[in-house]
Amino acid sequence: MGYKIKYTAGNAEKIPFRFGKRKIPLRWLLLGVLLLALILPVGRNALGRLLLPGDAEVTGQALQALASDLQTGTDFPDAITAFCHHILEESGH
């Protein structure tokens, strides 16, 4: 949460930033955006592109391989490296 500091007569006071007159926690704002994205078809497509950038099929396969590597006990850095290699190899770079 953001805040500003107000100095008066040598005393410092933290004042939280607010959206308008009501304080709206960021988690509720994100939850609302996520729900709208899931409800509306256009939002669903945009959310899918955001979560699976590039070729969704290639990224999906790489994520499945990442999950499999982690489940079989591969170290996290090694699994992420393999994930990145998979994406790069499939994209032709």
Protein backbone atom coordinates (compact mmCIF):
# COMPACT_ATOMS: atom_id res chain seq x y z
CA MET A 1 0.00 0.00 0.00
CA GLY A 2 1.33 3.44 -0.85
CA TYR A 3 1.46 6.26 1.65
CA LYS A 4 2.65 9.80 2.06
CA ILE A 5 4.35 11.37 5.05
CA LYS A 6 2.96 14.59 6.50
CA TYR A 7 5.23 16.64 8.74
CA THR A 8 3.65 18.97 11.29
CA ALA A 9 5.49 20.64 14.18
CA GLY A 10 8.33 18.12 14.11
CA ASN A 11 6.01 15.07 14.08
CA ALA A 12 5.78 12.73 11.09
CA GLU A 13 2.48 11.08 10.25
CA LYS A 14 1.93 8.31 7.68
CA ILE A 15 -1.21 8.81 5.61
CA PRO A 16 -2.27 5.96 3.28
CA PHE A 17 -3.11 6.87 -0.31
CA ARG A 18 -6.72 6.30 -1.21
CA PHE A 19 -8.60 5.83 -4.46
CA GLY A 20 -11.07 8.69 -4.28
CA LYS A 21 -12.76 8.83 -0.88
CA ARG A 22 -12.80 5.07 -0.32
CA LYS A 23 -9.79 2.89 0.24
CA ILE A 24 -9.82 -0.02 -2.26
CA PRO A 25 -7.30 -2.81 -1.61
CA LEU A 26 -5.27 -3.75 -4.68
CA ARG A 27 -6.27 -7.42 -4.36
CA TRP A 28 -9.96 -6.50 -4.85
CA LEU A 29 -9.12 -4.40 -7.88
CA LEU A 30 -7.11 -7.26 -9.41
CA LEU A 31 -9.83 -9.77 -8.56
CA GLY A 32 -12.42 -7.58 -10.31
CA VAL A 33 -10.27 -7.27 -13.43
CA LEU A 34 -9.68 -11.04 -13.46
CA LEU A 35 -13.40 -11.80 -13.09
CA LEU A 36 -14.29 -9.41 -15.92
CA ALA A 37 -11.61 -10.99 -18.09
CA LEU A 38 -13.02 -14.45 -17.44
CA ILE A 39 -16.65 -13.44 -17.99
CA LEU A 40 -16.26 -11.46 -21.21
CA PRO A 41 -15.06 -13.36 -24.32
CA VAL A 42 -12.75 -10.51 -25.35
CA GLY A 43 -11.29 -10.46 -21.85
CA ARG A 44 -10.80 -14.22 -21.91
CA ASN A 45 -8.76 -13.98 -25.11
CA ALA A 46 -6.69 -11.09 -23.77
CA LEU A 47 -6.04 -12.94 -20.50
CA GLY A 48 -4.98 -16.03 -22.43
CA ARG A 49 -2.52 -14.01 -24.52
CA LEU A 50 -1.17 -12.38 -21.37
CA LEU A 51 -0.67 -15.68 -19.52
CA LEU A 52 0.59 -17.61 -22.56
CA PRO A 53 2.48 -15.13 -24.72
CA GLY A 54 3.63 -16.01 -28.23
CA ASP A 55 2.41 -19.29 -29.66
CA ALA A 56 0.02 -20.60 -27.01
CA GLU A 57 0.59 -24.23 -28.03
CA VAL A 58 4.38 -23.99 -27.68
CA THR A 59 4.15 -22.13 -24.39
CA GLY A 60 1.58 -24.62 -23.09
CA GLN A 61 3.83 -27.57 -23.95
CA ALA A 62 6.79 -25.84 -22.29
CA LEU A 63 4.72 -25.20 -19.14
CA GLN A 64 3.66 -28.86 -19.03
CA ALA A 65 7.30 -29.92 -19.35
CA LEU A 66 8.25 -27.45 -16.60
CA ALA A 67 5.59 -28.86 -14.27
CA SER A 68 6.70 -32.41 -15.06
CA ASP A 69 10.36 -31.54 -14.38
CA LEU A 70 9.48 -29.97 -11.04
CA GLN A 71 7.30 -32.94 -10.04
CA THR A 72 10.13 -35.37 -10.78
CA GLY A 73 12.52 -33.45 -8.54
CA THR A 74 14.49 -31.35 -11.03
CA ASP A 75 16.04 -28.30 -9.38
CA PHE A 76 14.06 -25.11 -10.03
CA PRO A 77 16.87 -23.25 -11.88
CA ASP A 78 17.47 -26.28 -14.13
CA ALA A 79 13.75 -26.64 -14.83
CA ILE A 80 13.43 -22.94 -15.73
CA THR A 81 16.49 -23.19 -18.00
CA ALA A 82 14.94 -26.18 -19.79
CA PHE A 83 11.65 -24.25 -20.10
CA CYS A 84 13.41 -21.29 -21.74
CA HIS A 85 15.38 -23.60 -24.07
CA HIS A 86 12.14 -25.31 -25.10
CA ILE A 87 10.50 -21.97 -25.94
CA LEU A 88 13.53 -20.78 -27.92
CA GLU A 89 13.97 -24.05 -29.83
CA GLU A 90 10.30 -24.22 -30.82
CA SER A 91 10.23 -20.57 -31.88
CA GLY A 92 13.22 -21.05 -34.18
CA HIS A 93 15.62 -18.72 -32.38
